[in-house]
Amino acid sequence: MDKHTKITLDELLRRKEQKLESKKQKKAGSLYVKSLDGIITIESPTSALARDAQDMDNGDAYMVYSCVTEPNLKSKELQDAYECVEPLEIVEKVFDVGEIPQIAVECLKLAGYVDGVKAVDEIKN
């Protein structure tokens, strides 16, 4: 089937099991972080996490804290070493301030919140 074929009811029904199974699995990705001169691993946020982060003043830091899986930002050892009083403090101590929103956006991209839908005219060009 062509990648850009119009989706019908029959096609959605045919893809049902595959679609439901893919929604159960978190997606993972790797990002190069300049300030660390290394690669971190992220995972896609749940819809609840994405909503919560959107409603918070420090939503980007919360997203990064929740979605970065390697290194484990939730590690008590890491937080103690960086003298964090609150768990989210580790995000700003490890990453440069400008990297935090970029990492958060990449996490959202994994979940399909960014660039998941395009107008047909954009595809043709």
PDB file of N, CA and C in Angstrom:
ATOM      1  N   MET A   1       0.836  -1.183   0.000  1.00  0.00           N
ATOM      2  CA  MET A   1       0.000   0.000   0.000  1.00  0.00           C
ATOM      3  C   MET A   1       0.877   1.242   0.000  1.00  0.00           C
ATOM      4  N   ASP A   2       0.480   2.221  -0.805  1.00  0.00           N
ATOM      5  CA  ASP A   2       1.200   3.490  -0.887  1.00  0.00           C
ATOM      6  C   ASP A   2       1.206   4.161   0.483  1.00  0.00           C
ATOM      7  N   LYS A   3       2.322   4.777   0.820  1.00  0.00           N
ATOM      8  CA  LYS A   3       2.482   5.426   2.119  1.00  0.00           C
ATOM      9  C   LYS A   3       1.441   6.518   2.346  1.00  0.00           C
ATOM     10  N   HIS A   4       0.982   7.141   1.287  1.00  0.00           N
ATOM     11  CA  HIS A   4       0.076   8.264   1.424  1.00  0.00           C
ATOM     12  C   HIS A   4      -1.312   7.950   0.863  1.00  0.00           C
ATOM     13  N   THR A   5      -1.745   6.711   1.002  1.00  0.00           N
ATOM     14  CA  THR A   5      -3.070   6.313   0.555  1.00  0.00           C
ATOM     15  C   THR A   5      -4.120   6.787   1.549  1.00  0.00           C
ATOM     16  N   LYS A   6      -5.255   7.159   1.045  1.00  0.00           N
ATOM     17  CA  LYS A   6      -6.362   7.574   1.908  1.00  0.00           C
ATOM     18  C   LYS A   6      -6.785   6.387   2.771  1.00  0.00           C
ATOM     19  N   ILE A   7      -6.967   6.638   4.065  1.00  0.00           N
ATOM     20  CA  ILE A   7      -7.319   5.584   5.012  1.00  0.00           C
ATOM     21  C   ILE A   7      -8.836   5.411   5.038  1.00  0.00           C
ATOM     22  N   THR A   8      -9.260   4.176   4.921  1.00  0.00           N
ATOM     23  CA  THR A   8     -10.686   3.848   4.939  1.00  0.00           C
ATOM     24  C   THR A   8     -11.030   3.108   6.228  1.00  0.00           C
ATOM     25  N   LEU A   9     -12.313   2.932   6.444  1.00  0.00           N
ATOM     26  CA  LEU A   9     -12.780   2.166   7.594  1.00  0.00           C
ATOM     27  C   LEU A   9     -12.238   0.741   7.544  1.00  0.00           C
ATOM     28  N   ASP A  10     -12.278   0.131   6.380  1.00  0.00           N
ATOM     29  CA  ASP A  10     -11.772  -1.236   6.227  1.00  0.00           C
ATOM     30  C   ASP A  10     -10.284  -1.316   6.596  1.00  0.00           C
ATOM     31  N   GLU A  11      -9.529  -0.311   6.186  1.00  0.00           N
ATOM     32  CA  GLU A  11      -8.098  -0.305   6.480  1.00  0.00           C
ATOM     33  C   GLU A  11      -7.856  -0.154   7.982  1.00  0.00           C
ATOM     34  N   LEU A  12      -8.617   0.713   8.645  1.00  0.00           N
ATOM     35  CA  LEU A  12      -8.482   0.861  10.098  1.00  0.00           C
ATOM     36  C   LEU A  12      -8.826  -0.439  10.815  1.00  0.00           C
ATOM     37  N   LEU A  13      -9.851  -1.106  10.366  1.00  0.00           N
ATOM     38  CA  LEU A  13     -10.220  -2.386  10.975  1.00  0.00           C
ATOM     39  C   LEU A  13      -9.129  -3.430  10.758  1.00  0.00           C
ATOM     40  N   ARG A  14      -8.539  -3.433   9.577  1.00  0.00           N
ATOM     41  CA  ARG A  14      -7.473  -4.396   9.274  1.00  0.00           C
ATOM     42  C   ARG A  14      -6.245  -4.151  10.165  1.00  0.00           C
ATOM     43  N   ARG A  15      -5.967  -2.897  10.465  1.00  0.00           N
ATOM     44  CA  ARG A  15      -4.775  -2.543  11.240  1.00  0.00           C
ATOM     45  C   ARG A  15      -5.012  -2.528  12.762  1.00  0.00           C
ATOM     46  N   LYS A  16      -6.203  -2.824  13.204  1.00  0.00           N
ATOM     47  CA  LYS A  16      -6.596  -2.663  14.601  1.00  0.00           C
ATOM     48  C   LYS A  16      -5.607  -3.290  15.587  1.00  0.00           C
ATOM     49  N   GLU A  17      -5.344  -4.566  15.473  1.00  0.00           N
ATOM     50  CA  GLU A  17      -4.472  -5.250  16.438  1.00  0.00           C
ATOM     51  C   GLU A  17      -3.069  -4.650  16.460  1.00  0.00           C
ATOM     52  N   GLN A  18      -2.532  -4.390  15.288  1.00  0.00           N
ATOM     53  CA  GLN A  18      -1.202  -3.797  15.184  1.00  0.00           C
ATOM     54  C   GLN A  18      -1.175  -2.426  15.861  1.00  0.00           C
ATOM     55  N   LYS A  19      -2.196  -1.627  15.649  1.00  0.00           N
ATOM     56  CA  LYS A  19      -2.253  -0.282  16.218  1.00  0.00           C
ATOM     57  C   LYS A  19      -2.380  -0.342  17.734  1.00  0.00           C
ATOM     58  N   LEU A  20      -3.248  -1.194  18.241  1.00  0.00           N
ATOM     59  CA  LEU A  20      -3.424  -1.316  19.687  1.00  0.00           C
ATOM     60  C   LEU A  20      -2.148  -1.812  20.361  1.00  0.00           C
ATOM     61  N   GLU A  21      -1.464  -2.745  19.735  1.00  0.00           N
ATOM     62  CA  GLU A  21      -0.215  -3.274  20.298  1.00  0.00           C
ATOM     63  C   GLU A  21       0.882  -2.206  20.307  1.00  0.00           C
ATOM     64  N   SER A  22       0.963  -1.414  19.251  1.00  0.00           N
ATOM     65  CA  SER A  22       2.005  -0.385  19.185  1.00  0.00           C
ATOM     66  C   SER A  22       1.780   0.701  20.233  1.00  0.00           C
ATOM     67  N   LYS A  23       0.539   0.943  20.607  1.00  0.00           N
ATOM     68  CA  LYS A  23       0.243   1.961  21.623  1.00  0.00           C
ATOM     69  C   LYS A  23       0.675   1.511  23.019  1.00  0.00           C
ATOM     70  N   LYS A  24       0.777   0.210  23.235  1.00  0.00           N
ATOM     71  CA  LYS A  24       1.173  -0.319  24.541  1.00  0.00           C
ATOM     72  C   LYS A  24       2.668  -0.161  24.796  1.00  0.00           C
ATOM     73  N   GLN A  25       3.448  -0.070  23.739  1.00  0.00           N
ATOM     74  CA  GLN A  25       4.901  -0.035  23.867  1.00  0.00           C
ATOM     75  C   GLN A  25       5.420   1.392  23.818  1.00  0.00           C
ATOM     76  N   LYS A  26       6.270   1.733  24.796  1.00  0.00           N
ATOM     77  CA  LYS A  26       6.915   3.048  24.772  1.00  0.00           C
ATOM     78  C   LYS A  26       8.009   3.026  23.712  1.00  0.00           C
ATOM     79  N   LYS A  27       8.151   4.147  23.051  1.00  0.00           N
ATOM     80  CA  LYS A  27       9.213   4.277  22.057  1.00  0.00           C
ATOM     81  C   LYS A  27      10.427   4.878  22.730  1.00  0.00           C
ATOM     82  N   ALA A  28      11.592   4.482  22.275  1.00  0.00           N
ATOM     83  CA  ALA A  28      12.844   4.986  22.845  1.00  0.00           C
ATOM     84  C   ALA A  28      13.691   5.607  21.740  1.00  0.00           C
ATOM     85  N   GLY A  29      14.549   6.524  22.161  1.00  0.00           N
ATOM     86  CA  GLY A  29      15.446   7.169  21.214  1.00  0.00           C
ATOM     87  C   GLY A  29      16.717   7.618  21.900  1.00  0.00           C
ATOM     88  N   SER A  30      17.681   7.996  21.109  1.00  0.00           N
ATOM     89  CA  SER A  30      18.961   8.477  21.626  1.00  0.00           C
ATOM     90  C   SER A  30      19.191   9.898  21.137  1.00  0.00           C
ATOM     91  N   LEU A  31      19.745  10.725  22.013  1.00  0.00           N
ATOM     92  CA  LEU A  31      20.036  12.116  21.669  1.00  0.00           C
ATOM     93  C   LEU A  31      21.475  12.447  22.044  1.00  0.00           C
ATOM     94  N   TYR A  32      22.148  13.169  21.171  1.00  0.00           N
ATOM     95  CA  TYR A  32      23.473  13.699  21.507  1.00  0.00           C
ATOM     96  C   TYR A  32      23.246  15.018  22.235  1.00  0.00           C
ATOM     97  N   VAL A  33      23.887  15.173  23.394  1.00  0.00           N
ATOM     98  CA  VAL A  33      23.776  16.397  24.188  1.00  0.00           C
ATOM     99  C   VAL A  33      25.146  17.058  24.210  1.00  0.00           C
ATOM    100  N   LYS A  34      25.222  18.237  23.612  1.00  0.00           N
ATOM    101  CA  LYS A  34      26.494  18.925  23.435  1.00  0.00           C
ATOM    102  C   LYS A  34      27.218  19.197  24.760  1.00  0.00           C
ATOM    103  N   SER A  35      26.482  19.690  25.768  1.00  0.00           N
ATOM    104  CA  SER A  35      27.138  20.043  27.034  1.00  0.00           C
ATOM    105  C   SER A  35      27.748  18.832  27.733  1.00  0.00           C
ATOM    106  N   LEU A  36      27.191  17.659  27.474  1.00  0.00           N
ATOM    107  CA  LEU A  36      27.731  16.426  28.061  1.00  0.00           C
ATOM    108  C   LEU A  36      28.712  15.737  27.122  1.00  0.00           C
ATOM    109  N   ASP A  37      28.724  16.175  25.875  1.00  0.00           N
ATOM    110  CA  ASP A  37      29.508  15.532  24.819  1.00  0.00           C
ATOM    111  C   ASP A  37      29.269  14.026  24.835  1.00  0.00           C
ATOM    112  N   GLY A  38      27.984  13.685  24.895  1.00  0.00           N
ATOM    113  CA  GLY A  38      27.617  12.273  24.934  1.00  0.00           C
ATOM    114  C   GLY A  38      26.153  12.077  24.585  1.00  0.00           C
ATOM    115  N   ILE A  39      25.760  10.827  24.583  1.00  0.00           N
ATOM    116  CA  ILE A  39      24.424  10.431  24.167  1.00  0.00           C
ATOM    117  C   ILE A  39      23.597  10.006  25.381  1.00  0.00           C
ATOM    118  N   ILE A  40      22.345  10.468  25.398  1.00  0.00           N
ATOM    119  CA  ILE A  40      21.407  10.056  26.431  1.00  0.00           C
ATOM    120  C   ILE A  40      20.298   9.239  25.762  1.00  0.00           C
ATOM    121  N   THR A  41      19.565   8.482  26.564  1.00  0.00           N
ATOM    122  CA  THR A  41      18.439   7.710  26.059  1.00  0.00           C
ATOM    123  C   THR A  41      17.151   8.293  26.635  1.00  0.00           C
ATOM    124  N   ILE A  42      16.176   8.464  25.752  1.00  0.00           N
ATOM    125  CA  ILE A  42      14.877   8.985  26.170  1.00  0.00           C
ATOM    126  C   ILE A  42      13.791   7.992  25.785  1.00  0.00           C
ATOM    127  N   GLU A  43      12.616   8.145  26.431  1.00  0.00           N
ATOM    128  CA  GLU A  43      11.458   7.357  26.041  1.00  0.00           C
ATOM    129  C   GLU A  43      10.267   8.281  25.871  1.00  0.00           C
ATOM    130  N   SER A  44       9.270   7.805  25.146  1.00  0.00           N
ATOM    131  CA  SER A  44       8.087   8.617  24.908  1.00  0.00           C
ATOM    132  C   SER A  44       7.283   8.767  26.193  1.00  0.00           C
ATOM    133  N   PRO A  45       6.712   9.955  26.404  1.00  0.00           N
ATOM    134  CA  PRO A  45       5.882  10.165  27.587  1.00  0.00           C
ATOM    135  C   PRO A  45       4.496   9.555  27.395  1.00  0.00           C
ATOM    136  N   THR A  46       3.841   9.239  28.484  1.00  0.00           N
ATOM    137  CA  THR A  46       2.437   8.848  28.421  1.00  0.00           C
ATOM    138  C   THR A  46       1.614  10.106  28.163  1.00  0.00           C
ATOM    139  N   SER A  47       0.378   9.933  27.777  1.00  0.00           N
ATOM    140  CA  SER A  47      -0.473  11.107  27.548  1.00  0.00           C
ATOM    141  C   SER A  47      -0.703  11.858  28.861  1.00  0.00           C
ATOM    142  N   ALA A  48      -0.803  11.140  29.969  1.00  0.00           N
ATOM    143  CA  ALA A  48      -0.987  11.798  31.271  1.00  0.00           C
ATOM    144  C   ALA A  48       0.233  12.643  31.626  1.00  0.00           C
ATOM    145  N   LEU A  49       1.416  12.121  31.380  1.00  0.00           N
ATOM    146  CA  LEU A  49       2.639  12.869  31.677  1.00  0.00           C
ATOM    147  C   LEU A  49       2.720  14.116  30.806  1.00  0.00           C
ATOM    148  N   ALA A  50       2.380  13.987  29.539  1.00  0.00           N
ATOM    149  CA  ALA A  50       2.422  15.133  28.630  1.00  0.00           C
ATOM    150  C   ALA A  50       1.439  16.213  29.079  1.00  0.00           C
ATOM    151  N   ARG A  51       0.233  15.813  29.498  1.00  0.00           N
ATOM    152  CA  ARG A  51      -0.752  16.785  29.991  1.00  0.00           C
ATOM    153  C   ARG A  51      -0.265  17.455  31.270  1.00  0.00           C
ATOM    154  N   ASP A  52       0.269  16.655  32.195  1.00  0.00           N
ATOM    155  CA  ASP A  52       0.770  17.212  33.456  1.00  0.00           C
ATOM    156  C   ASP A  52       1.882  18.223  33.203  1.00  0.00           C
ATOM    157  N   ALA A  53       2.816  17.869  32.341  1.00  0.00           N
ATOM    158  CA  ALA A  53       3.949  18.750  32.041  1.00  0.00           C
ATOM    159  C   ALA A  53       3.470  20.053  31.422  1.00  0.00           C
ATOM    160  N   GLN A  54       2.459  19.981  30.588  1.00  0.00           N
ATOM    161  CA  GLN A  54       1.931  21.172  29.925  1.00  0.00           C
ATOM    162  C   GLN A  54       1.343  22.154  30.943  1.00  0.00           C
ATOM    163  N   ASP A  55       0.799  21.626  32.022  1.00  0.00           N
ATOM    164  CA  ASP A  55       0.152  22.461  33.033  1.00  0.00           C
ATOM    165  C   ASP A  55       1.110  22.985  34.097  1.00  0.00           C
ATOM    166  N   MET A  56       2.371  22.599  34.047  1.00  0.00           N
ATOM    167  CA  MET A  56       3.338  22.988  35.078  1.00  0.00           C
ATOM    168  C   MET A  56       4.212  24.150  34.618  1.00  0.00           C
ATOM    169  N   ASP A  57       4.639  24.966  35.581  1.00  0.00           N
ATOM    170  CA  ASP A  57       5.581  26.045  35.273  1.00  0.00           C
ATOM    171  C   ASP A  57       6.919  25.490  34.808  1.00  0.00           C
ATOM    172  N   ASN A  58       7.348  24.386  35.406  1.00  0.00           N
ATOM    173  CA  ASN A  58       8.620  23.758  35.050  1.00  0.00           C
ATOM    174  C   ASN A  58       8.374  22.464  34.277  1.00  0.00           C
ATOM    175  N   GLY A  59       7.412  22.530  33.354  1.00  0.00           N
ATOM    176  CA  GLY A  59       6.996  21.350  32.602  1.00  0.00           C
ATOM    177  C   GLY A  59       8.095  20.711  31.781  1.00  0.00           C
ATOM    178  N   ASP A  60       8.974  21.518  31.183  1.00  0.00           N
ATOM    179  CA  ASP A  60      10.065  20.944  30.389  1.00  0.00           C
ATOM    180  C   ASP A  60      10.999  20.128  31.272  1.00  0.00           C
ATOM    181  N   ALA A  61      11.338  20.663  32.435  1.00  0.00           N
ATOM    182  CA  ALA A  61      12.219  19.934  33.361  1.00  0.00           C
ATOM    183  C   ALA A  61      11.545  18.649  33.825  1.00  0.00           C
ATOM    184  N   TYR A  62      10.256  18.718  34.107  1.00  0.00           N
ATOM    185  CA  TYR A  62       9.510  17.531  34.524  1.00  0.00           C
ATOM    186  C   TYR A  62       9.506  16.486  33.416  1.00  0.00           C
ATOM    187  N   MET A  63       9.316  16.926  32.175  1.00  0.00           N
ATOM    188  CA  MET A  63       9.324  16.014  31.029  1.00  0.00           C
ATOM    189  C   MET A  63      10.683  15.334  30.898  1.00  0.00           C
ATOM    190  N   VAL A  64      11.737  16.118  30.997  1.00  0.00           N
ATOM    191  CA  VAL A  64      13.094  15.570  30.880  1.00  0.00           C
ATOM    192  C   VAL A  64      13.369  14.597  32.028  1.00  0.00           C
ATOM    193  N   TYR A  65      13.049  15.001  33.233  1.00  0.00           N
ATOM    194  CA  TYR A  65      13.252  14.158  34.409  1.00  0.00           C
ATOM    195  C   TYR A  65      12.529  12.820  34.250  1.00  0.00           C
ATOM    196  N   SER A  66      11.331  12.860  33.706  1.00  0.00           N
ATOM    197  CA  SER A  66      10.506  11.660  33.581  1.00  0.00           C
ATOM    198  C   SER A  66      10.876  10.783  32.392  1.00  0.00           C
ATOM    199  N   CYS A  67      11.392  11.378  31.318  1.00  0.00           N
ATOM    200  CA  CYS A  67      11.599  10.629  30.075  1.00  0.00           C
ATOM    201  C   CYS A  67      13.042  10.228  29.789  1.00  0.00           C
ATOM    202  N   VAL A  68      14.011  10.862  30.448  1.00  0.00           N
ATOM    203  CA  VAL A  68      15.402  10.441  30.240  1.00  0.00           C
ATOM    204  C   VAL A  68      15.617   9.176  31.059  1.00  0.00           C
ATOM    205  N   THR A  69      15.966   8.094  30.369  1.00  0.00           N
ATOM    206  CA  THR A  69      16.145   6.813  31.056  1.00  0.00           C
ATOM    207  C   THR A  69      17.606   6.468  31.309  1.00  0.00           C
ATOM    208  N   GLU A  70      18.491   7.044  30.503  1.00  0.00           N
ATOM    209  CA  GLU A  70      19.927   6.802  30.700  1.00  0.00           C
ATOM    210  C   GLU A  70      20.669   8.068  30.374  1.00  0.00           C
ATOM    211  N   PRO A  71      21.307   8.709  31.308  1.00  0.00           N
ATOM    212  CA  PRO A  71      21.490   8.298  32.692  1.00  0.00           C
ATOM    213  C   PRO A  71      20.185   8.421  33.484  1.00  0.00           C
ATOM    214  N   ASN A  72      20.079   7.675  34.540  1.00  0.00           N
ATOM    215  CA  ASN A  72      18.888   7.672  35.378  1.00  0.00           C
ATOM    216  C   ASN A  72      18.899   8.911  36.276  1.00  0.00           C
ATOM    217  N   LEU A  73      18.143   9.923  35.871  1.00  0.00           N
ATOM    218  CA  LEU A  73      18.101  11.177  36.622  1.00  0.00           C
ATOM    219  C   LEU A  73      17.406  11.015  37.974  1.00  0.00           C
ATOM    220  N   LYS A  74      16.687   9.928  38.149  1.00  0.00           N
ATOM    221  CA  LYS A  74      15.978   9.661  39.406  1.00  0.00           C
ATOM    222  C   LYS A  74      16.866   8.980  40.437  1.00  0.00           C
ATOM    223  N   SER A  75      18.095   8.690  40.063  1.00  0.00           N
ATOM    224  CA  SER A  75      19.033   8.016  40.964  1.00  0.00           C
ATOM    225  C   SER A  75      19.328   8.876  42.186  1.00  0.00           C
ATOM    226  N   LYS A  76      19.109   8.321  43.346  1.00  0.00           N
ATOM    227  CA  LYS A  76      19.390   9.019  44.604  1.00  0.00           C
ATOM    228  C   LYS A  76      20.890   9.347  44.686  1.00  0.00           C
ATOM    229  N   GLU A  77      21.714   8.437  44.234  1.00  0.00           N
ATOM    230  CA  GLU A  77      23.168   8.644  44.242  1.00  0.00           C
ATOM    231  C   GLU A  77      23.546   9.865  43.400  1.00  0.00           C
ATOM    232  N   LEU A  78      22.966   9.974  42.211  1.00  0.00           N
ATOM    233  CA  LEU A  78      23.246  11.111  41.325  1.00  0.00           C
ATOM    234  C   LEU A  78      22.757  12.412  41.955  1.00  0.00           C
ATOM    235  N   GLN A  79      21.553  12.389  42.483  1.00  0.00           N
ATOM    236  CA  GLN A  79      20.993  13.595  43.092  1.00  0.00           C
ATOM    237  C   GLN A  79      21.789  14.029  44.319  1.00  0.00           C
ATOM    238  N   ASP A  80      22.253  13.075  45.111  1.00  0.00           N
ATOM    239  CA  ASP A  80      23.092  13.405  46.269  1.00  0.00           C
ATOM    240  C   ASP A  80      24.421  14.013  45.827  1.00  0.00           C
ATOM    241  N   ALA A  81      25.022  13.442  44.781  1.00  0.00           N
ATOM    242  CA  ALA A  81      26.306  13.932  44.282  1.00  0.00           C
ATOM    243  C   ALA A  81      26.195  15.377  43.789  1.00  0.00           C
ATOM    244  N   TYR A  82      25.054  15.721  43.202  1.00  0.00           N
ATOM    245  CA  TYR A  82      24.829  17.076  42.706  1.00  0.00           C
ATOM    246  C   TYR A  82      24.169  17.978  43.748  1.00  0.00           C
ATOM    247  N   GLU A  83      24.005  17.482  44.958  1.00  0.00           N
ATOM    248  CA  GLU A  83      23.449  18.226  46.093  1.00  0.00           C
ATOM    249  C   GLU A  83      22.068  18.808  45.787  1.00  0.00           C
ATOM    250  N   CYS A  84      21.201  17.969  45.255  1.00  0.00           N
ATOM    251  CA  CYS A  84      19.837  18.382  44.938  1.00  0.00           C
ATOM    252  C   CYS A  84      18.966  18.314  46.185  1.00  0.00           C
ATOM    253  N   VAL A  85      18.218  19.370  46.424  1.00  0.00           N
ATOM    254  CA  VAL A  85      17.260  19.389  47.523  1.00  0.00           C
ATOM    255  C   VAL A  85      15.947  18.767  47.039  1.00  0.00           C
ATOM    256  N   GLU A  86      15.529  19.122  45.821  1.00  0.00           N
ATOM    257  CA  GLU A  86      14.329  18.582  45.183  1.00  0.00           C
ATOM    258  C   GLU A  86      14.769  17.742  43.982  1.00  0.00           C
ATOM    259  N   PRO A  87      14.076  16.646  43.700  1.00  0.00           N
ATOM    260  CA  PRO A  87      14.476  15.773  42.586  1.00  0.00           C
ATOM    261  C   PRO A  87      14.617  16.466  41.235  1.00  0.00           C
ATOM    262  N   LEU A  88      13.703  17.387  40.887  1.00  0.00           N
ATOM    263  CA  LEU A  88      13.765  18.041  39.574  1.00  0.00           C
ATOM    264  C   LEU A  88      14.998  18.924  39.395  1.00  0.00           C
ATOM    265  N   GLU A  89      15.637  19.314  40.481  1.00  0.00           N
ATOM    266  CA  GLU A  89      16.837  20.155  40.387  1.00  0.00           C
ATOM    267  C   GLU A  89      17.926  19.496  39.549  1.00  0.00           C
ATOM    268  N   ILE A  90      17.939  18.174  39.520  1.00  0.00           N
ATOM    269  CA  ILE A  90      18.994  17.456  38.789  1.00  0.00           C
ATOM    270  C   ILE A  90      18.999  17.831  37.309  1.00  0.00           C
ATOM    271  N   VAL A  91      17.832  18.130  36.767  1.00  0.00           N
ATOM    272  CA  VAL A  91      17.734  18.442  35.338  1.00  0.00           C
ATOM    273  C   VAL A  91      18.559  19.680  34.991  1.00  0.00           C
ATOM    274  N   GLU A  92      18.397  20.748  35.757  1.00  0.00           N
ATOM    275  CA  GLU A  92      19.143  21.976  35.471  1.00  0.00           C
ATOM    276  C   GLU A  92      20.612  21.872  35.868  1.00  0.00           C
ATOM    277  N   LYS A  93      20.939  20.952  36.753  1.00  0.00           N
ATOM    278  CA  LYS A  93      22.337  20.781  37.142  1.00  0.00           C
ATOM    279  C   LYS A  93      23.106  19.940  36.133  1.00  0.00           C
ATOM    280  N   VAL A  94      22.414  19.044  35.439  1.00  0.00           N
ATOM    281  CA  VAL A  94      23.079  18.165  34.468  1.00  0.00           C
ATOM    282  C   VAL A  94      23.107  18.789  33.072  1.00  0.00           C
ATOM    283  N   PHE A  95      22.004  19.404  32.661  1.00  0.00           N
ATOM    284  CA  PHE A  95      21.885  19.935  31.299  1.00  0.00           C
ATOM    285  C   PHE A  95      21.973  21.452  31.285  1.00  0.00           C
ATOM    286  N   ASP A  96      22.470  22.003  30.187  1.00  0.00           N
ATOM    287  CA  ASP A  96      22.435  23.450  29.992  1.00  0.00           C
ATOM    288  C   ASP A  96      20.978  23.876  29.864  1.00  0.00           C
ATOM    289  N   VAL A  97      20.668  25.071  30.303  1.00  0.00           N
ATOM    290  CA  VAL A  97      19.286  25.549  30.341  1.00  0.00           C
ATOM    291  C   VAL A  97      18.614  25.495  28.965  1.00  0.00           C
ATOM    292  N   GLY A  98      19.342  25.762  27.905  1.00  0.00           N
ATOM    293  CA  GLY A  98      18.773  25.728  26.561  1.00  0.00           C
ATOM    294  C   GLY A  98      18.536  24.332  26.025  1.00  0.00           C
ATOM    295  N   GLU A  99      19.188  23.351  26.604  1.00  0.00           N
ATOM    296  CA  GLU A  99      19.003  21.968  26.147  1.00  0.00           C
ATOM    297  C   GLU A  99      17.719  21.344  26.683  1.00  0.00           C
ATOM    298  N   ILE A 100      17.256  21.828  27.815  1.00  0.00           N
ATOM    299  CA  ILE A 100      16.102  21.216  28.476  1.00  0.00           C
ATOM    300  C   ILE A 100      14.847  21.243  27.597  1.00  0.00           C
ATOM    301  N   PRO A 101      14.453  22.394  27.039  1.00  0.00           N
ATOM    302  CA  PRO A 101      13.268  22.368  26.175  1.00  0.00           C
ATOM    303  C   PRO A 101      13.481  21.552  24.902  1.00  0.00           C
ATOM    304  N   GLN A 102      14.697  21.514  24.406  1.00  0.00           N
ATOM    305  CA  GLN A 102      14.972  20.722  23.207  1.00  0.00           C
ATOM    306  C   GLN A 102      14.795  19.228  23.486  1.00  0.00           C
ATOM    307  N   ILE A 103      15.266  18.776  24.634  1.00  0.00           N
ATOM    308  CA  ILE A 103      15.104  17.373  25.010  1.00  0.00           C
ATOM    309  C   ILE A 103      13.628  17.061  25.212  1.00  0.00           C
ATOM    310  N   ALA A 104      12.900  17.977  25.861  1.00  0.00           N
ATOM    311  CA  ALA A 104      11.466  17.782  26.087  1.00  0.00           C
ATOM    312  C   ALA A 104      10.723  17.636  24.755  1.00  0.00           C
ATOM    313  N   VAL A 105      11.059  18.462  23.782  1.00  0.00           N
ATOM    314  CA  VAL A 105      10.413  18.382  22.466  1.00  0.00           C
ATOM    315  C   VAL A 105      10.722  17.037  21.805  1.00  0.00           C
ATOM    316  N   GLU A 106      11.937  16.567  21.919  1.00  0.00           N
ATOM    317  CA  GLU A 106      12.290  15.273  21.325  1.00  0.00           C
ATOM    318  C   GLU A 106      11.498  14.135  21.972  1.00  0.00           C
ATOM    319  N   CYS A 107      11.251  14.239  23.272  1.00  0.00           N
ATOM    320  CA  CYS A 107      10.426  13.241  23.952  1.00  0.00           C
ATOM    321  C   CYS A 107       9.003  13.268  23.392  1.00  0.00           C
ATOM    322  N   LEU A 108       8.462  14.463  23.211  1.00  0.00           N
ATOM    323  CA  LEU A 108       7.119  14.609  22.658  1.00  0.00           C
ATOM    324  C   LEU A 108       7.045  14.091  21.222  1.00  0.00           C
ATOM    325  N   LYS A 109       8.097  14.298  20.462  1.00  0.00           N
ATOM    326  CA  LYS A 109       8.125  13.783  19.085  1.00  0.00           C
ATOM    327  C   LYS A 109       7.998  12.262  19.068  1.00  0.00           C
ATOM    328  N   LEU A 110       8.662  11.601  20.010  1.00  0.00           N
ATOM    329  CA  LEU A 110       8.568  10.136  20.078  1.00  0.00           C
ATOM    330  C   LEU A 110       7.128   9.672  20.264  1.00  0.00           C
ATOM    331  N   ALA A 111       6.346  10.448  20.983  1.00  0.00           N
ATOM    332  CA  ALA A 111       4.954  10.083  21.256  1.00  0.00           C
ATOM    333  C   ALA A 111       3.995  10.578  20.173  1.00  0.00           C
ATOM    334  N   GLY A 112       4.518  11.262  19.172  1.00  0.00           N
ATOM    335  CA  GLY A 112       3.680  11.733  18.073  1.00  0.00           C
ATOM    336  C   GLY A 112       3.042  13.082  18.294  1.00  0.00           C
ATOM    337  N   TYR A 113       3.461  13.806  19.323  1.00  0.00           N
ATOM    338  CA  TYR A 113       2.874  15.118  19.597  1.00  0.00           C
ATOM    339  C   TYR A 113       3.396  16.204  18.661  1.00  0.00           C
ATOM    340  N   VAL A 114       4.516  15.980  18.036  1.00  0.00           N
ATOM    341  CA  VAL A 114       5.118  16.964  17.144  1.00  0.00           C
ATOM    342  C   VAL A 114       5.398  16.275  15.807  1.00  0.00           C
ATOM    343  N   ASP A 115       5.019  16.898  14.737  1.00  0.00           N
ATOM    344  CA  ASP A 115       5.273  16.398  13.382  1.00  0.00           C
ATOM    345  C   ASP A 115       4.527  15.110  13.052  1.00  0.00           C
ATOM    346  N   GLY A 116       3.480  14.772  13.798  1.00  0.00           N
ATOM    347  CA  GLY A 116       2.736  13.545  13.529  1.00  0.00           C
ATOM    348  C   GLY A 116       1.695  13.694  12.435  1.00  0.00           C
ATOM    349  N   VAL A 117       1.308  14.925  12.157  1.00  0.00           N
ATOM    350  CA  VAL A 117       0.262  15.190  11.172  1.00  0.00           C
ATOM    351  C   VAL A 117       0.738  16.306  10.258  1.00  0.00           C
ATOM    352  N   LYS A 118       0.513  16.132   8.957  1.00  0.00           N
ATOM    353  CA  LYS A 118       0.868  17.165   7.990  1.00  0.00           C
ATOM    354  C   LYS A 118      -0.293  17.344   7.022  1.00  0.00           C
ATOM    355  N   ALA A 119      -0.472  18.558   6.553  1.00  0.00           N
ATOM    356  CA  ALA A 119      -1.477  18.821   5.526  1.00  0.00           C
ATOM    357  C   ALA A 119      -1.055  18.129   4.243  1.00  0.00           C
ATOM    358  N   VAL A 120      -2.016  17.663   3.470  1.00  0.00           N
ATOM    359  CA  VAL A 120      -1.716  16.937   2.238  1.00  0.00           C
ATOM    360  C   VAL A 120      -0.893  17.793   1.287  1.00  0.00           C
ATOM    361  N   ASP A 121      -1.131  19.090   1.232  1.00  0.00           N
ATOM    362  CA  ASP A 121      -0.365  19.970   0.360  1.00  0.00           C
ATOM    363  C   ASP A 121       1.122  19.962   0.727  1.00  0.00           C
ATOM    364  N   GLU A 122       1.448  19.852   2.016  1.00  0.00           N
ATOM    365  CA  GLU A 122       2.849  19.805   2.439  1.00  0.00           C
ATOM    366  C   GLU A 122       3.521  18.513   1.963  1.00  0.00           C
ATOM    367  N   ILE A 123       2.785  17.435   1.932  1.00  0.00           N
ATOM    368  CA  ILE A 123       3.338  16.154   1.497  1.00  0.00           C
ATOM    369  C   ILE A 123       3.652  16.193   0.011  1.00  0.00           C
ATOM    370  N   LYS A 124       2.776  16.813  -0.786  1.00  0.00           N
ATOM    371  CA  LYS A 124       2.962  16.876  -2.232  1.00  0.00           C
ATOM    372  C   LYS A 124       4.187  17.691  -2.605  1.00  0.00           C
ATOM    373  N   ASN A 125       4.514  18.713  -1.808  1.00  0.00           N
ATOM    374  CA  ASN A 125       5.680  19.548  -2.104  1.00  0.00           C
ATOM    375  C   ASN A 125       6.869  18.851  -1.570  1.00  0.00           C
TER     376      ASN A 125
END
